[in-house]
Amino acid sequence: MALDRCFKSERSAYANRVLDAVLNHGSVVPAIWLVEVANGLLTGLRRGRIDEAEVAQAIEGR
């Protein structure tokens, strides 16, 4: 769910609603969450699902 916005093929109305809820109410994630997100971005980059600019945008939060 955390990476749905990064991968065009995964975007959905549901993911947008979840993101809105997190932005409005916050969330709690396990300590390893940042490592998991970084791994997802790196895997997406290696598989050609996203490019370096999209990885940078995800990291910067745009």
N, C-alpha and C. Protein backbone atom coordinates (compact mmCIF):
# COMPACT_ATOMS: atom_id res chain seq x y z
N MET A 1 0.82 -1.18 0.00
CA MET A 1 0.00 0.00 0.00
C MET A 1 0.87 1.26 0.00
N ALA A 2 1.99 1.21 0.73
CA ALA A 2 2.83 2.41 0.86
C ALA A 2 3.43 2.86 -0.47
N LEU A 3 3.62 1.93 -1.38
CA LEU A 3 4.26 2.27 -2.66
C LEU A 3 3.27 2.40 -3.82
N ASP A 4 2.00 2.27 -3.56
CA ASP A 4 1.01 2.35 -4.64
C ASP A 4 1.14 3.63 -5.45
N ARG A 5 1.42 4.73 -4.80
CA ARG A 5 1.54 6.01 -5.50
C ARG A 5 2.79 6.07 -6.37
N CYS A 6 3.77 5.23 -6.10
CA CYS A 6 5.03 5.25 -6.85
C CYS A 6 4.94 4.48 -8.15
N PHE A 7 4.12 3.44 -8.17
CA PHE A 7 4.01 2.59 -9.35
C PHE A 7 2.68 2.85 -10.05
N LYS A 8 2.75 3.35 -11.26
CA LYS A 8 1.54 3.74 -11.99
C LYS A 8 0.53 2.61 -12.11
N SER A 9 1.01 1.39 -12.30
CA SER A 9 0.10 0.26 -12.48
C SER A 9 -0.62 -0.13 -11.19
N GLU A 10 -0.21 0.39 -10.06
CA GLU A 10 -0.79 0.02 -8.77
C GLU A 10 -1.74 1.09 -8.22
N ARG A 11 -1.81 2.23 -8.84
CA ARG A 11 -2.62 3.33 -8.32
C ARG A 11 -4.11 2.97 -8.38
N SER A 12 -4.81 3.37 -7.33
CA SER A 12 -6.25 3.09 -7.28
C SER A 12 -6.94 4.13 -6.41
N ALA A 13 -8.24 4.21 -6.54
CA ALA A 13 -9.03 5.12 -5.70
C ALA A 13 -8.89 4.72 -4.23
N TYR A 14 -8.86 3.42 -3.97
CA TYR A 14 -8.73 2.94 -2.60
C TYR A 14 -7.40 3.40 -2.00
N ALA A 15 -6.31 3.26 -2.75
CA ALA A 15 -4.99 3.68 -2.27
C ALA A 15 -4.98 5.18 -1.99
N ASN A 16 -5.65 5.95 -2.82
CA ASN A 16 -5.73 7.39 -2.60
C ASN A 16 -6.48 7.71 -1.30
N ARG A 17 -7.56 6.98 -1.03
CA ARG A 17 -8.31 7.19 0.21
C ARG A 17 -7.48 6.83 1.44
N VAL A 18 -6.72 5.75 1.34
CA VAL A 18 -5.86 5.35 2.45
C VAL A 18 -4.79 6.41 2.68
N LEU A 19 -4.18 6.91 1.61
CA LEU A 19 -3.17 7.96 1.76
C LEU A 19 -3.77 9.20 2.41
N ASP A 20 -4.95 9.59 1.99
CA ASP A 20 -5.62 10.74 2.60
C ASP A 20 -5.84 10.52 4.10
N ALA A 21 -6.25 9.32 4.46
CA ALA A 21 -6.48 9.00 5.87
C ALA A 21 -5.18 9.08 6.67
N VAL A 22 -4.11 8.56 6.11
CA VAL A 22 -2.81 8.61 6.79
C VAL A 22 -2.35 10.06 6.94
N LEU A 23 -2.50 10.84 5.89
CA LEU A 23 -2.08 12.25 5.96
C LEU A 23 -2.90 13.02 6.99
N ASN A 24 -4.18 12.69 7.11
CA ASN A 24 -5.05 13.41 8.04
C ASN A 24 -4.97 12.91 9.49
N HIS A 25 -4.70 11.61 9.66
CA HIS A 25 -4.77 11.02 11.00
C HIS A 25 -3.47 10.39 11.47
N GLY A 26 -2.47 10.30 10.59
CA GLY A 26 -1.21 9.67 10.97
C GLY A 26 -1.27 8.16 10.87
N SER A 27 -0.17 7.53 11.16
CA SER A 27 -0.11 6.07 11.13
C SER A 27 1.01 5.58 12.03
N VAL A 28 0.99 4.31 12.31
CA VAL A 28 2.04 3.66 13.08
C VAL A 28 2.58 2.53 12.21
N VAL A 29 3.88 2.49 12.08
CA VAL A 29 4.51 1.46 11.26
C VAL A 29 5.63 0.80 12.05
N PRO A 30 6.01 -0.42 11.69
CA PRO A 30 7.12 -1.08 12.38
C PRO A 30 8.44 -0.38 12.08
N ALA A 31 9.42 -0.57 12.93
CA ALA A 31 10.72 0.08 12.79
C ALA A 31 11.39 -0.25 11.45
N ILE A 32 11.12 -1.39 10.90
CA ILE A 32 11.74 -1.82 9.65
C ILE A 32 11.07 -1.21 8.41
N TRP A 33 10.01 -0.45 8.59
CA TRP A 33 9.21 0.08 7.49
C TRP A 33 10.05 0.86 6.47
N LEU A 34 10.93 1.74 6.92
CA LEU A 34 11.74 2.51 5.98
C LEU A 34 12.63 1.62 5.13
N VAL A 35 13.15 0.56 5.72
CA VAL A 35 13.98 -0.39 4.97
C VAL A 35 13.13 -1.11 3.92
N GLU A 36 11.93 -1.49 4.29
CA GLU A 36 11.03 -2.17 3.35
C GLU A 36 10.64 -1.26 2.19
N VAL A 37 10.37 0.01 2.47
CA VAL A 37 10.03 0.95 1.41
C VAL A 37 11.24 1.16 0.49
N ALA A 38 12.42 1.34 1.07
CA ALA A 38 13.63 1.50 0.25
C ALA A 38 13.85 0.28 -0.63
N ASN A 39 13.63 -0.91 -0.09
CA ASN A 39 13.78 -2.14 -0.87
C ASN A 39 12.76 -2.18 -2.01
N GLY A 40 11.53 -1.77 -1.74
CA GLY A 40 10.51 -1.74 -2.79
C GLY A 40 10.87 -0.78 -3.90
N LEU A 41 11.39 0.38 -3.55
CA LEU A 41 11.80 1.35 -4.57
C LEU A 41 12.98 0.81 -5.39
N LEU A 42 13.96 0.23 -4.70
CA LEU A 42 15.11 -0.32 -5.41
C LEU A 42 14.70 -1.47 -6.33
N THR A 43 13.82 -2.33 -5.86
CA THR A 43 13.34 -3.44 -6.70
C THR A 43 12.58 -2.91 -7.91
N GLY A 44 11.74 -1.90 -7.70
CA GLY A 44 11.01 -1.29 -8.81
C GLY A 44 11.96 -0.67 -9.83
N LEU A 45 13.01 -0.04 -9.35
CA LEU A 45 14.01 0.55 -10.24
C LEU A 45 14.73 -0.54 -11.03
N ARG A 46 15.15 -1.58 -10.38
CA ARG A 46 15.87 -2.69 -11.05
C ARG A 46 14.99 -3.39 -12.09
N ARG A 47 13.71 -3.47 -11.82
CA ARG A 47 12.80 -4.15 -12.75
C ARG A 47 12.27 -3.22 -13.84
N GLY A 48 12.65 -1.97 -13.79
CA GLY A 48 12.23 -1.02 -14.81
C GLY A 48 10.81 -0.50 -14.63
N ARG A 49 10.25 -0.67 -13.45
CA ARG A 49 8.88 -0.19 -13.20
C ARG A 49 8.85 1.30 -12.89
N ILE A 50 9.97 1.82 -12.37
CA ILE A 50 10.12 3.25 -12.13
C ILE A 50 11.53 3.65 -12.52
N ASP A 51 11.73 4.94 -12.76
CA ASP A 51 13.08 5.40 -13.11
C ASP A 51 13.68 6.17 -11.93
N GLU A 52 14.92 6.61 -12.09
CA GLU A 52 15.62 7.28 -11.00
C GLU A 52 14.91 8.55 -10.56
N ALA A 53 14.34 9.28 -11.50
CA ALA A 53 13.62 10.51 -11.15
C ALA A 53 12.41 10.19 -10.27
N GLU A 54 11.71 9.10 -10.58
CA GLU A 54 10.54 8.72 -9.78
C GLU A 54 10.95 8.26 -8.38
N VAL A 55 12.11 7.59 -8.27
CA VAL A 55 12.63 7.21 -6.97
C VAL A 55 12.92 8.46 -6.16
N ALA A 56 13.58 9.43 -6.77
CA ALA A 56 13.89 10.69 -6.09
C ALA A 56 12.62 11.40 -5.64
N GLN A 57 11.59 11.41 -6.48
CA GLN A 57 10.32 12.03 -6.11
C GLN A 57 9.69 11.33 -4.92
N ALA A 58 9.76 10.01 -4.91
CA ALA A 58 9.19 9.24 -3.79
C ALA A 58 9.92 9.55 -2.50
N ILE A 59 11.24 9.65 -2.58
CA ILE A 59 12.03 9.93 -1.38
C ILE A 59 11.76 11.34 -0.87
N GLU A 60 11.60 12.28 -1.80
CA GLU A 60 11.36 13.67 -1.42
C GLU A 60 9.91 13.91 -1.01
N GLY A 61 9.04 12.93 -1.27
CA GLY A 61 7.64 13.04 -0.88
C GLY A 61 6.78 13.84 -1.83
N ARG A 62 7.15 13.90 -3.10
CA ARG A 62 6.33 14.63 -4.07
C ARG A 62 5.41 13.71 -4.82
